[in-house]
C-alpha atoms as a PDB file:
ATOM      1  CA  UNK A   1       4.456  41.468   3.782  1.00  0.00           C
ATOM      2  CA  UNK A   2       2.621  38.473   2.343  1.00  0.00           C
ATOM      3  CA  UNK A   3       1.254  35.782   4.634  1.00  0.00           C
ATOM      4  CA  UNK A   4       1.185  32.094   3.782  1.00  0.00           C
ATOM      5  CA  UNK A   5      -1.010  29.051   4.383  1.00  0.00           C
ATOM      6  CA  UNK A   6       0.392  25.522   4.221  1.00  0.00           C
ATOM      7  CA  UNK A   7      -2.521  23.286   3.256  1.00  0.00           C
ATOM      8  CA  UNK A   8      -2.067  19.511   3.450  1.00  0.00           C
ATOM      9  CA  UNK A   9      -4.713  17.454   1.658  1.00  0.00           C
ATOM     10  CA  UNK A  10      -5.392  14.209   3.509  1.00  0.00           C
ATOM     11  CA  UNK A  11      -7.319  11.066   2.690  1.00  0.00           C
ATOM     12  CA  UNK A  12      -6.870   8.178   5.115  1.00  0.00           C
ATOM     13  CA  UNK A  13      -3.312   9.314   5.717  1.00  0.00           C
ATOM     14  CA  UNK A  14      -3.096   9.186   9.496  1.00  0.00           C
ATOM     15  CA  UNK A  15       0.261   7.379   9.400  1.00  0.00           C
ATOM     16  CA  UNK A  16       1.733   9.962   7.021  1.00  0.00           C
ATOM     17  CA  UNK A  17       0.465  12.854   9.135  1.00  0.00           C
ATOM     18  CA  UNK A  18       1.992  11.268  12.223  1.00  0.00           C
ATOM     19  CA  UNK A  19       5.335  10.944  10.441  1.00  0.00           C
ATOM     20  CA  UNK A  20       5.581  14.204   8.489  1.00  0.00           C
ATOM     21  CA  UNK A  21       3.317  16.823  10.052  1.00  0.00           C
ATOM     22  CA  UNK A  22       5.765  17.492  12.942  1.00  0.00           C
ATOM     23  CA  UNK A  23       8.461  18.746  10.532  1.00  0.00           C
ATOM     24  CA  UNK A  24       5.944  21.075   8.883  1.00  0.00           C
ATOM     25  CA  UNK A  25       4.954  22.489  12.272  1.00  0.00           C
ATOM     26  CA  UNK A  26       8.556  22.840  13.477  1.00  0.00           C
ATOM     27  CA  UNK A  27       9.840  24.593  10.355  1.00  0.00           C
ATOM     28  CA  UNK A  28       6.831  26.732   9.360  1.00  0.00           C
ATOM     29  CA  UNK A  29       6.567  29.142  12.281  1.00  0.00           C
ATOM     30  CA  UNK A  30       5.326  32.066  10.181  1.00  0.00           C
ATOM     31  CA  UNK A  31       2.685  30.044   8.315  1.00  0.00           C
ATOM     32  CA  UNK A  32      -0.848  29.026   9.159  1.00  0.00           C
ATOM     33  CA  UNK A  33      -1.093  25.239   8.811  1.00  0.00           C
ATOM     34  CA  UNK A  34      -4.239  23.500   7.630  1.00  0.00           C
ATOM     35  CA  UNK A  35      -5.156  19.859   7.119  1.00  0.00           C
ATOM     36  CA  UNK A  36      -7.876  19.578   4.479  1.00  0.00           C
ATOM     37  CA  UNK A  37      -9.484  16.196   4.941  1.00  0.00           C
ATOM     38  CA  UNK A  38     -11.161  14.427   2.021  1.00  0.00           C
ATOM     39  CA  UNK A  39     -13.790  12.490   4.030  1.00  0.00           C
ATOM     40  CA  UNK A  40     -11.292  10.096   5.618  1.00  0.00           C
ATOM     41  CA  UNK A  41     -12.461   7.003   7.476  1.00  0.00           C
ATOM     42  CA  UNK A  42      -9.237   6.264   9.378  1.00  0.00           C
ATOM     43  CA  UNK A  43      -9.656   8.657  12.320  1.00  0.00           C
ATOM     44  CA  UNK A  44      -7.235  11.171  10.751  1.00  0.00           C
ATOM     45  CA  UNK A  45      -9.213  14.219  11.813  1.00  0.00           C
ATOM     46  CA  UNK A  46      -9.553  13.148  15.442  1.00  0.00           C
ATOM     47  CA  UNK A  47      -5.838  12.325  15.525  1.00  0.00           C
ATOM     48  CA  UNK A  48      -4.826  15.796  14.277  1.00  0.00           C
ATOM     49  CA  UNK A  49      -7.221  17.549  16.638  1.00  0.00           C
ATOM     50  CA  UNK A  50      -5.810  15.596  19.584  1.00  0.00           C
ATOM     51  CA  UNK A  51      -2.090  15.658  18.748  1.00  0.00           C
ATOM     52  CA  UNK A  52      -1.753  18.977  16.893  1.00  0.00           C
ATOM     53  CA  UNK A  53      -4.418  21.336  18.266  1.00  0.00           C
ATOM     54  CA  UNK A  54      -2.902  24.416  16.614  1.00  0.00           C
ATOM     55  CA  UNK A  55      -3.394  22.949  13.140  1.00  0.00           C
ATOM     56  CA  UNK A  56      -6.624  24.121  11.518  1.00  0.00           C
ATOM     57  CA  UNK A  57      -8.940  21.459  10.109  1.00  0.00           C
ATOM     58  CA  UNK A  58     -11.090  21.761   6.991  1.00  0.00           C
ATOM     59  CA  UNK A  59     -13.429  18.817   6.494  1.00  0.00           C
ATOM     60  CA  UNK A  60     -14.515  18.229   2.898  1.00  0.00           C
ATOM     61  CA  UNK A  61     -17.789  16.382   2.486  1.00  0.00           C
ATOM     62  CA  UNK A  62     -16.527  13.885  -0.113  1.00  0.00           C
ATOM     63  CA  UNK A  63     -13.272  12.521  -1.474  1.00  0.00           C
ATOM     64  CA  UNK A  64     -13.111  14.514  -4.702  1.00  0.00           C
ATOM     65  CA  UNK A  65      -9.455  13.736  -5.347  1.00  0.00           C
ATOM     66  CA  UNK A  66      -6.665  16.296  -5.445  1.00  0.00           C
ATOM     67  CA  UNK A  67      -8.407  18.813  -7.697  1.00  0.00           C
ATOM     68  CA  UNK A  68     -11.823  19.067  -6.056  1.00  0.00           C
ATOM     69  CA  UNK A  69     -10.329  18.491  -2.610  1.00  0.00           C
ATOM     70  CA  UNK A  70      -8.199  21.610  -2.862  1.00  0.00           C
ATOM     71  CA  UNK A  71     -10.875  23.631  -4.656  1.00  0.00           C
ATOM     72  CA  UNK A  72     -13.311  22.926  -1.833  1.00  0.00           C
ATOM     73  CA  UNK A  73     -10.838  23.515   0.983  1.00  0.00           C
ATOM     74  CA  UNK A  74      -9.154  26.673  -0.277  1.00  0.00           C
ATOM     75  CA  UNK A  75     -12.457  28.552  -0.175  1.00  0.00           C
ATOM     76  CA  UNK A  76     -11.905  28.679   3.592  1.00  0.00           C
ATOM     77  CA  UNK A  77      -8.272  29.879   3.461  1.00  0.00           C
ATOM     78  CA  UNK A  78      -7.625  33.628   3.580  1.00  0.00           C
ATOM     79  CA  UNK A  79      -3.816  33.889   3.376  1.00  0.00           C
ATOM     80  CA  UNK A  80      -2.142  35.614   0.401  1.00  0.00           C
ATOM     81  CA  UNK A  81      -0.052  32.588  -0.631  1.00  0.00           C
ATOM     82  CA  UNK A  82      -1.252  28.992  -0.791  1.00  0.00           C
ATOM     83  CA  UNK A  83       1.269  26.192  -0.295  1.00  0.00           C
ATOM     84  CA  UNK A  84      -0.324  22.939  -1.403  1.00  0.00           C
ATOM     85  CA  UNK A  85       1.732  20.255   0.310  1.00  0.00           C
ATOM     86  CA  UNK A  86       1.479  16.495  -0.021  1.00  0.00           C
ATOM     87  CA  UNK A  87       1.164  14.620   3.247  1.00  0.00           C
ATOM     88  CA  UNK A  88       4.230  12.487   2.435  1.00  0.00           C
ATOM     89  CA  UNK A  89       6.715  15.379   2.392  1.00  0.00           C
ATOM     90  CA  UNK A  90       9.405  16.227   4.916  1.00  0.00           C
ATOM     91  CA  UNK A  91      10.254  19.926   4.903  1.00  0.00           C
ATOM     92  CA  UNK A  92      13.538  21.501   6.009  1.00  0.00           C
ATOM     93  CA  UNK A  93      14.543  24.469   8.194  1.00  0.00           C
ATOM     94  CA  UNK A  94      13.818  27.853   6.604  1.00  0.00           C
ATOM     95  CA  UNK A  95      12.152  26.222   3.607  1.00  0.00           C
ATOM     96  CA  UNK A  96       9.563  28.993   3.371  1.00  0.00           C
ATOM     97  CA  UNK A  97      11.917  31.992   3.584  1.00  0.00           C
ATOM     98  CA  UNK A  98      13.268  31.958  -0.015  1.00  0.00           C
ATOM     99  CA  UNK A  99       9.770  31.290  -1.347  1.00  0.00           C
ATOM    100  CA  UNK A 100       8.300  34.310   0.410  1.00  0.00           C
ATOM    101  CA  UNK A 101      11.303  36.457  -0.547  1.00  0.00           C
ATOM    102  CA  UNK A 102      10.680  35.614  -4.206  1.00  0.00           C
ATOM    103  CA  UNK A 103       6.964  36.355  -4.036  1.00  0.00           C
ATOM    104  CA  UNK A 104       7.662  39.665  -2.254  1.00  0.00           C
ATOM    105  CA  UNK A 105      10.307  40.848  -4.732  1.00  0.00           C
ATOM    106  CA  UNK A 106       9.067  39.377  -8.033  1.00  0.00           C
ATOM    107  CA  UNK A 107       5.486  40.494  -8.450  1.00  0.00           C
ATOM    108  CA  UNK A 108       5.181  38.835 -11.883  1.00  0.00           C
ATOM    109  CA  UNK A 109       5.875  35.402 -10.373  1.00  0.00           C
ATOM    110  CA  UNK A 110       2.581  33.679  -9.564  1.00  0.00           C
ATOM    111  CA  UNK A 111       3.660  30.058  -8.979  1.00  0.00           C
ATOM    112  CA  UNK A 112       6.750  28.598  -7.296  1.00  0.00           C
ATOM    113  CA  UNK A 113       8.200  25.132  -6.777  1.00  0.00           C
ATOM    114  CA  UNK A 114      11.081  24.285  -4.401  1.00  0.00           C
ATOM    115  CA  UNK A 115      13.738  21.648  -4.999  1.00  0.00           C
ATOM    116  CA  UNK A 116      12.083  18.249  -4.557  1.00  0.00           C
ATOM    117  CA  UNK A 117      14.427  15.448  -3.533  1.00  0.00           C
ATOM    118  CA  UNK A 118      13.742  11.771  -2.865  1.00  0.00           C
ATOM    119  CA  UNK A 119      12.998  11.003   0.782  1.00  0.00           C
ATOM    120  CA  UNK A 120      14.348   7.472   0.296  1.00  0.00           C
ATOM    121  CA  UNK A 121      17.625   8.702  -1.273  1.00  0.00           C
ATOM    122  CA  UNK A 122      18.216  12.316  -0.402  1.00  0.00           C
ATOM    123  CA  UNK A 123      21.051  12.693  -2.916  1.00  0.00           C
ATOM    124  CA  UNK A 124      18.650  12.308  -5.852  1.00  0.00           C
ATOM    125  CA  UNK A 125      15.800  14.301  -7.307  1.00  0.00           C
ATOM    126  CA  UNK A 126      12.290  12.948  -6.865  1.00  0.00           C
ATOM    127  CA  UNK A 127      10.130  11.933  -9.802  1.00  0.00           C
ATOM    128  CA  UNK A 128       7.239  14.310  -9.106  1.00  0.00           C
ATOM    129  CA  UNK A 129       8.742  17.670  -9.933  1.00  0.00           C
ATOM    130  CA  UNK A 130      12.499  17.416  -9.353  1.00  0.00           C
ATOM    131  CA  UNK A 131      13.883  20.882 -10.260  1.00  0.00           C
ATOM    132  CA  UNK A 132      10.865  22.162 -12.138  1.00  0.00           C
ATOM    133  CA  UNK A 133       8.728  20.946 -15.002  1.00  0.00           C
ATOM    134  CA  UNK A 134       8.393  21.423 -18.760  1.00  0.00           C
ATOM    135  CA  UNK A 135       6.389  19.793 -21.569  1.00  0.00           C
ATOM    136  CA  UNK A 136       7.073  18.942 -25.174  1.00  0.00           C
ATOM    137  CA  UNK A 137       4.927  19.861 -28.171  1.00  0.00           C
ATOM    138  CA  UNK A 138       2.685  16.837 -27.621  1.00  0.00           C
ATOM    139  CA  UNK A 139       2.061  17.467 -23.937  1.00  0.00           C
ATOM    140  CA  UNK A 140       4.434  14.907 -22.430  1.00  0.00           C
ATOM    141  CA  UNK A 141       5.820  16.278 -19.146  1.00  0.00           C
ATOM    142  CA  UNK A 142       9.417  16.073 -17.965  1.00  0.00           C
ATOM    143  CA  UNK A 143      11.578  17.852 -15.410  1.00  0.00           C
ATOM    144  CA  UNK A 144      14.999  19.258 -14.854  1.00  0.00           C
ATOM    145  CA  UNK A 145      16.528  16.307 -13.037  1.00  0.00           C
ATOM    146  CA  UNK A 146      13.985  13.711 -14.253  1.00  0.00           C
ATOM    147  CA  UNK A 147      13.086  12.550 -17.739  1.00  0.00           C
ATOM    148  CA  UNK A 148      10.695   9.596 -17.851  1.00  0.00           C
ATOM    149  CA  UNK A 149      12.197   7.116 -15.348  1.00  0.00           C
ATOM    150  CA  UNK A 150      15.751   8.499 -15.402  1.00  0.00           C
ATOM    151  CA  UNK A 151      16.490  10.361 -12.162  1.00  0.00           C
ATOM    152  CA  UNK A 152      19.562  12.586 -11.723  1.00  0.00           C
ATOM    153  CA  UNK A 153      21.684  13.046  -8.619  1.00  0.00           C
ATOM    154  CA  UNK A 154      21.393  16.552  -7.194  1.00  0.00           C
ATOM    155  CA  UNK A 155      24.685  18.424  -7.497  1.00  0.00           C
ATOM    156  CA  UNK A 156      23.102  21.882  -7.388  1.00  0.00           C
ATOM    157  CA  UNK A 157      23.269  21.843 -11.190  1.00  0.00           C
ATOM    158  CA  UNK A 158      19.916  23.598 -11.602  1.00  0.00           C
ATOM    159  CA  UNK A 159      19.795  27.230 -10.437  1.00  0.00           C
ATOM    160  CA  UNK A 160      16.720  29.381  -9.940  1.00  0.00           C
ATOM    161  CA  UNK A 161      14.869  29.896 -13.200  1.00  0.00           C
ATOM    162  CA  UNK A 162      11.475  30.174 -14.812  1.00  0.00           C
ATOM    163  CA  UNK A 163       9.788  26.828 -15.452  1.00  0.00           C
ATOM    164  CA  UNK A 164       6.632  25.772 -17.272  1.00  0.00           C
ATOM    165  CA  UNK A 165       4.934  23.810 -14.489  1.00  0.00           C
ATOM    166  CA  UNK A 166       5.401  23.299 -10.778  1.00  0.00           C
ATOM    167  CA  UNK A 167       4.774  20.006  -9.032  1.00  0.00           C
ATOM    168  CA  UNK A 168       1.548  19.517  -7.113  1.00  0.00           C
ATOM    169  CA  UNK A 169       3.575  17.709  -4.449  1.00  0.00           C
ATOM    170  CA  UNK A 170       4.718  21.106  -3.164  1.00  0.00           C
ATOM    171  CA  UNK A 171       2.994  23.878  -5.051  1.00  0.00           C
ATOM    172  CA  UNK A 172       2.974  27.574  -4.124  1.00  0.00           C
ATOM    173  CA  UNK A 173       0.534  29.970  -5.779  1.00  0.00           C
ATOM    174  CA  UNK A 174      -0.826  33.430  -5.106  1.00  0.00           C
ATOM    175  CA  UNK A 175      -4.418  33.228  -3.895  1.00  0.00           C
ATOM    176  CA  UNK A 176      -5.493  35.962  -6.308  1.00  0.00           C
ATOM    177  CA  UNK A 177      -4.151  33.992  -9.288  1.00  0.00           C
ATOM    178  CA  UNK A 178      -5.642  30.697  -8.096  1.00  0.00           C
ATOM    179  CA  UNK A 179      -9.045  32.363  -7.830  1.00  0.00           C
ATOM    180  CA  UNK A 180      -8.670  34.133 -11.181  1.00  0.00           C
ATOM    181  CA  UNK A 181      -8.033  30.741 -12.810  1.00  0.00           C
ATOM    182  CA  UNK A 182     -11.064  29.265 -11.009  1.00  0.00           C
ATOM    183  CA  UNK A 183      -8.813  26.723  -9.339  1.00  0.00           C
ATOM    184  CA  UNK A 184      -8.116  23.240 -10.591  1.00  0.00           C
ATOM    185  CA  UNK A 185     -10.121  21.514 -13.310  1.00  0.00           C
ATOM    186  CA  UNK A 186     -12.015  18.945 -11.246  1.00  0.00           C
ATOM    187  CA  UNK A 187     -12.503  16.591 -14.196  1.00  0.00           C
ATOM    188  CA  UNK A 188      -8.813  15.652 -13.833  1.00  0.00           C
ATOM    189  CA  UNK A 189      -9.526  14.175 -10.355  1.00  0.00           C
ATOM    190  CA  UNK A 190      -5.793  13.612  -9.738  1.00  0.00           C
ATOM    191  CA  UNK A 191      -2.501  13.789 -11.679  1.00  0.00           C
ATOM    192  CA  UNK A 192      -1.451  16.607 -14.028  1.00  0.00           C
ATOM    193  CA  UNK A 193      -4.122  19.015 -12.832  1.00  0.00           C
ATOM    194  CA  UNK A 194      -1.252  21.232 -11.663  1.00  0.00           C
ATOM    195  CA  UNK A 195       0.155  21.206 -15.215  1.00  0.00           C
ATOM    196  CA  UNK A 196      -3.209  22.335 -16.541  1.00  0.00           C
ATOM    197  CA  UNK A 197      -3.348  25.117 -13.930  1.00  0.00           C
ATOM    198  CA  UNK A 198       0.200  26.255 -14.764  1.00  0.00           C
ATOM    199  CA  UNK A 199      -0.540  26.102 -18.498  1.00  0.00           C
ATOM    200  CA  UNK A 200      -3.600  28.292 -18.063  1.00  0.00           C
ATOM    201  CA  UNK A 201      -1.541  30.693 -15.949  1.00  0.00           C
ATOM    202  CA  UNK A 202       1.195  30.741 -18.616  1.00  0.00           C
ATOM    203  CA  UNK A 203      -1.376  31.544 -21.281  1.00  0.00           C
ATOM    204  CA  UNK A 204      -2.342  34.588 -19.195  1.00  0.00           C
ATOM    205  CA  UNK A 205       1.335  35.652 -19.024  1.00  0.00           C
ATOM    206  CA  UNK A 206       1.925  34.652 -15.410  1.00  0.00           C
ATOM    207  CA  UNK A 207       5.319  33.166 -14.523  1.00  0.00           C
ATOM    208  CA  UNK A 208       6.164  29.970 -12.672  1.00  0.00           C
ATOM    209  CA  UNK A 209       9.557  29.685 -11.013  1.00  0.00           C
ATOM    210  CA  UNK A 210      11.870  27.111  -9.440  1.00  0.00           C
ATOM    211  CA  UNK A 211      13.586  28.291  -6.239  1.00  0.00           C
ATOM    212  CA  UNK A 212      16.572  26.087  -5.422  1.00  0.00           C
ATOM    213  CA  UNK A 213      17.263  27.490  -1.949  1.00  0.00           C
ATOM    214  CA  UNK A 214      14.107  25.805  -0.635  1.00  0.00           C
ATOM    215  CA  UNK A 215      14.295  22.005  -0.312  1.00  0.00           C
ATOM    216  CA  UNK A 216      11.741  19.335   0.564  1.00  0.00           C
ATOM    217  CA  UNK A 217      11.938  15.528   0.552  1.00  0.00           C
ATOM    218  CA  UNK A 218       9.092  13.582  -1.057  1.00  0.00           C
ATOM    219  CA  UNK A 219       8.257   9.907  -0.522  1.00  0.00           C
ATOM    220  CA  UNK A 220       6.114   9.721  -3.681  1.00  0.00           C
ATOM    221  CA  UNK A 221       3.448   7.210  -4.637  1.00  0.00           C
ATOM    222  CA  UNK A 222       1.826   7.306  -1.212  1.00  0.00           C
ATOM    223  CA  UNK A 223      -1.660   7.397  -2.757  1.00  0.00           C
ATOM    224  CA  UNK A 224      -1.025   5.693  -6.128  1.00  0.00           C
ATOM    225  CA  UNK A 225       2.360   4.141  -6.867  1.00  0.00           C
ATOM    226  CA  UNK A 226       3.858   3.734 -10.320  1.00  0.00           C
ATOM    227  CA  UNK A 227       2.768   0.087 -10.604  1.00  0.00           C
ATOM    228  CA  UNK A 228      -0.907   0.978 -10.230  1.00  0.00           C
ATOM    229  CA  UNK A 229      -2.788   0.918 -13.580  1.00  0.00           C
ATOM    230  CA  UNK A 230      -5.062   3.693 -12.291  1.00  0.00           C
ATOM    231  CA  UNK A 231      -2.049   6.012 -12.266  1.00  0.00           C
ATOM    232  CA  UNK A 232      -1.267   5.060 -15.875  1.00  0.00           C
ATOM    233  CA  UNK A 233      -4.881   5.751 -16.815  1.00  0.00           C
ATOM    234  CA  UNK A 234      -4.985   9.174 -15.161  1.00  0.00           C
ATOM    235  CA  UNK A 235      -1.611  10.297 -16.530  1.00  0.00           C
ATOM    236  CA  UNK A 236      -2.375   9.353 -20.143  1.00  0.00           C
ATOM    237  CA  UNK A 237      -5.940  10.676 -20.053  1.00  0.00           C
ATOM    238  CA  UNK A 238      -5.124  13.940 -18.286  1.00  0.00           C
ATOM    239  CA  UNK A 239      -2.193  14.629 -20.578  1.00  0.00           C
ATOM    240  CA  UNK A 240      -4.606  14.448 -23.525  1.00  0.00           C
ATOM    241  CA  UNK A 241      -6.970  16.755 -21.634  1.00  0.00           C
ATOM    242  CA  UNK A 242      -4.119  19.244 -21.204  1.00  0.00           C
ATOM    243  CA  UNK A 243      -3.153  19.328 -24.871  1.00  0.00           C
ATOM    244  CA  UNK A 244      -6.730  19.651 -26.071  1.00  0.00           C
ATOM    245  CA  UNK A 245      -7.542  22.494 -23.699  1.00  0.00           C
ATOM    246  CA  UNK A 246      -4.366  24.539 -23.823  1.00  0.00           C
ATOM    247  CA  UNK A 247      -1.955  23.819 -26.681  1.00  0.00           C
ATOM    248  CA  UNK A 248      -1.527  26.249 -29.533  1.00  0.00           C
ATOM    249  CA  UNK A 249      -1.269  25.217 -33.163  1.00  0.00           C
ATOM    250  CA  UNK A 250      -3.256  22.768 -35.269  1.00  0.00           C
ATOM    251  CA  UNK A 251      -4.903  20.650 -32.606  1.00  0.00           C
ATOM    252  CA  UNK A 252      -5.914  17.559 -34.535  1.00  0.00           C
ATOM    253  CA  UNK A 253      -2.412  16.908 -35.872  1.00  0.00           C
ATOM    254  CA  UNK A 254      -1.173  17.061 -32.278  1.00  0.00           C
ATOM    255  CA  UNK A 255      -3.867  14.653 -31.134  1.00  0.00           C
ATOM    256  CA  UNK A 256      -3.193  12.238 -34.007  1.00  0.00           C
ATOM    257  CA  UNK A 257       0.517  12.171 -33.143  1.00  0.00           C
ATOM    258  CA  UNK A 258      -0.373  11.529 -29.503  1.00  0.00           C
ATOM    259  CA  UNK A 259      -2.601   8.624 -30.505  1.00  0.00           C
ATOM    260  CA  UNK A 260       0.313   7.056 -32.387  1.00  0.00           C
ATOM    261  CA  UNK A 261       2.807   7.612 -29.549  1.00  0.00           C
ATOM    262  CA  UNK A 262       0.392   6.370 -26.899  1.00  0.00           C
ATOM    263  CA  UNK A 263      -0.297   3.321 -29.063  1.00  0.00           C
ATOM    264  CA  UNK A 264       3.428   2.550 -29.145  1.00  0.00           C
ATOM    265  CA  UNK A 265       3.509   2.872 -25.353  1.00  0.00           C
ATOM    266  CA  UNK A 266       0.599   0.457 -25.123  1.00  0.00           C
ATOM    267  CA  UNK A 267       2.360  -2.097 -27.353  1.00  0.00           C
ATOM    268  CA  UNK A 268       5.445  -1.766 -25.148  1.00  0.00           C
ATOM    269  CA  UNK A 269       3.321  -2.605 -22.105  1.00  0.00           C
ATOM    270  CA  UNK A 270       2.063  -5.709 -23.949  1.00  0.00           C
ATOM    271  CA  UNK A 271       5.609  -6.881 -24.653  1.00  0.00           C
ATOM    272  CA  UNK A 272       6.416  -6.334 -20.977  1.00  0.00           C
ATOM    273  CA  UNK A 273       3.324  -8.407 -20.070  1.00  0.00           C
ATOM    274  CA  UNK A 274       1.854  -5.411 -18.230  1.00  0.00           C
ATOM    275  CA  UNK A 275      -1.609  -6.163 -19.535  1.00  0.00           C
ATOM    276  CA  UNK A 276      -3.466  -3.984 -17.034  1.00  0.00           C
ATOM    277  CA  UNK A 277      -1.400  -0.951 -18.064  1.00  0.00           C
ATOM    278  CA  UNK A 278      -2.156  -1.633 -21.741  1.00  0.00           C
ATOM    279  CA  UNK A 279      -5.866  -1.582 -20.967  1.00  0.00           C
ATOM    280  CA  UNK A 280      -5.380   1.511 -18.808  1.00  0.00           C
ATOM    281  CA  UNK A 281      -4.158   3.385 -21.911  1.00  0.00           C
ATOM    282  CA  UNK A 282      -7.170   2.151 -23.888  1.00  0.00           C
ATOM    283  CA  UNK A 283      -9.457   3.264 -21.078  1.00  0.00           C
ATOM    284  CA  UNK A 284      -7.718   6.660 -21.024  1.00  0.00           C
ATOM    285  CA  UNK A 285      -8.386   7.186 -24.724  1.00  0.00           C
ATOM    286  CA  UNK A 286     -12.025   6.122 -24.503  1.00  0.00           C
ATOM    287  CA  UNK A 287     -12.492   8.588 -21.627  1.00  0.00           C
ATOM    288  CA  UNK A 288     -10.783  11.272 -23.702  1.00  0.00           C
ATOM    289  CA  UNK A 289     -13.143  10.683 -26.661  1.00  0.00           C
ATOM    290  CA  UNK A 290     -16.119  10.765 -24.307  1.00  0.00           C
ATOM    291  CA  UNK A 291     -14.996  14.148 -22.942  1.00  0.00           C
ATOM    292  CA  UNK A 292     -13.781  15.624 -26.246  1.00  0.00           C
ATOM    293  CA  UNK A 293     -16.811  17.841 -26.883  1.00  0.00           C
ATOM    294  CA  UNK A 294     -16.496  19.423 -23.430  1.00  0.00           C
ATOM    295  CA  UNK A 295     -12.735  19.872 -23.850  1.00  0.00           C
ATOM    296  CA  UNK A 296     -13.172  21.623 -27.211  1.00  0.00           C
ATOM    297  CA  UNK A 297     -15.684  23.962 -25.615  1.00  0.00           C
ATOM    298  CA  UNK A 298     -13.187  24.756 -22.849  1.00  0.00           C
ATOM    299  CA  UNK A 299     -10.476  25.328 -25.452  1.00  0.00           C
ATOM    300  CA  UNK A 300     -12.658  27.826 -27.282  1.00  0.00           C
ATOM    301  CA  UNK A 301     -12.921  29.910 -24.116  1.00  0.00           C
ATOM    302  CA  UNK A 302      -9.239  29.729 -23.106  1.00  0.00           C
ATOM    303  CA  UNK A 303      -6.309  31.675 -24.607  1.00  0.00           C
ATOM    304  CA  UNK A 304      -3.566  29.705 -26.349  1.00  0.00           C
ATOM    305  CA  UNK A 305      -0.025  30.931 -26.951  1.00  0.00           C
ATOM    306  CA  UNK A 306       2.827  29.774 -29.154  1.00  0.00           C
ATOM    307  CA  UNK A 307       6.153  28.833 -27.639  1.00  0.00           C
ATOM    308  CA  UNK A 308       4.832  26.711 -24.799  1.00  0.00           C
ATOM    309  CA  UNK A 309       7.250  23.786 -25.347  1.00  0.00           C
ATOM    310  CA  UNK A 310      11.024  23.691 -24.852  1.00  0.00           C
ATOM    311  CA  UNK A 311      11.581  20.387 -26.717  1.00  0.00           C
ATOM    312  CA  UNK A 312       9.582  19.292 -29.764  1.00  0.00           C
ATOM    313  CA  UNK A 313       9.453  15.613 -28.783  1.00  0.00           C
ATOM    314  CA  UNK A 314      10.851  14.372 -25.495  1.00  0.00           C
ATOM    315  CA  UNK A 315       9.943  10.829 -26.618  1.00  0.00           C
ATOM    316  CA  UNK A 316      12.242  11.141 -29.655  1.00  0.00           C
ATOM    317  CA  UNK A 317      15.007  12.871 -27.680  1.00  0.00           C
ATOM    318  CA  UNK A 318      14.960  10.286 -24.895  1.00  0.00           C
ATOM    319  CA  UNK A 319      14.270   6.981 -26.626  1.00  0.00           C
ATOM    320  CA  UNK A 320      15.842   7.566 -30.061  1.00  0.00           C
ATOM    321  CA  UNK A 321      18.619  10.106 -29.437  1.00  0.00           C
ATOM    322  CA  UNK A 322      19.299   8.717 -25.928  1.00  0.00           C
ATOM    323  CA  UNK A 323      19.342  12.125 -24.280  1.00  0.00           C
ATOM    324  CA  UNK A 324      18.487  11.051 -20.747  1.00  0.00           C
ATOM    325  CA  UNK A 325      19.871  14.122 -18.971  1.00  0.00           C
ATOM    326  CA  UNK A 326      18.030  17.439 -19.052  1.00  0.00           C
ATOM    327  CA  UNK A 327      21.219  19.422 -19.643  1.00  0.00           C
ATOM    328  CA  UNK A 328      21.801  17.494 -22.896  1.00  0.00           C
ATOM    329  CA  UNK A 329      18.446  18.343 -24.451  1.00  0.00           C
END
């Protein structure tokens, strides 16, 4: 029987831990619970030690973001299955049982995501993951239950199935696979590093799966909300990192198309008078060019496979053909 560690990465999130850690403790009786602290300055560690003495603490020396934070912390976790859980998630009774059942019975499954619903409206999917993620040919991510900013109501319309990527908000992975992949790419810092990890796993023939019987509720945007230009910067930059490292096919035609599409997005931000977001896209591309040599070297040493995308262009399908529901793609 596999054992599981629930690892919550924290950075100055004392209020979130106070609100959401009790549900994790109450409904995760068979798991070992860790708080991995990214050099917080808000007394988070002392609070957890005082209020939740059975929770194990891992203290990272610096705030290296999501990617480095988990890479550093998971070196000290021995359980067979890692659950990487955001601090702004409310879990539900028996949420771990169907996950562990799947890992125990489906040995080819390396990564799992539960159903992620919106904490603020529990009838709807949540942006970061929904019912499992996919990408198009050009590396733009979307989910069953969420395409761009269109969010579906959950009617149990999405059954268990293989997916391309699982959300980092609640991300289960076998320790052996995480270590084989050398963890997250720390150059991502935050946002879409889980897509890169899943893509590298996919290119090694591992499977990621959505398990609908497990449900969690996610607040979302607790660290960076959607109006923050830094989030725009990281999402656009890291998406380009993903394509360059992992996509099959003729790379430079993919990159050129992305430059055009990202340019259109930037012009749209200008028309909306979101000037900081326009400059965030420019900054993302300059950072991409600066890192291109390193990314091409990584690509050379990573396997690529055909058939990684389920839709050729989600931008065209959504904005031109008006297919805003996943089931209509």
